[in-house]
């Protein structure tokens, strides 16, 4: 059965489109209850009662994401490898302890891009904190904080999340 294409692409020539991410929202994958996806956009998101996403606000140029797809010739399968990397400035005991808990869980991650668009990572299979590290720096002006690298494996690309869903999902920032 053919898979008909539905649209094309045309560069509009407008400048802008800053890269990077503004904030990251994290919740345990086990908190997932029900979601509704319409045309690639998550339009409803419900978590288990009493659970919400934690918010991590980032400074400029402190995070990025990707969602690379691959086709496997031998099996004919298409898969995606979503990835989220971000850095938190400062070395507080509270953040180090929280990252230990993050590392122990499979997660759902919502990322807000610099353009104000939200994307869901780990919708079907979850995301895992693969590597993380604490850096003190050497010089007075060096970076001091934590760097995190999350990965997932999915059968579908990341979903956009309707921005109206976000406020009801949040707990305060750490």
Foldseek 3Di string as FASTA:
>chain_A
DDDDDDDDDDDPPDDDDDWDFFKKWKWFPQQFDDWDADPQETEDGHGHPPAFTAMAGADPPFKHKDWDWDADPVVRAIKIKIKIKGWDADDDPVVVVVVVVQQVGFIWMWTQTPVRWIKIDCNPHGKHFDDKDADCDDDPPDTGTMMTMIIDMGRDTIGIYPPVNPPVRYDYYD
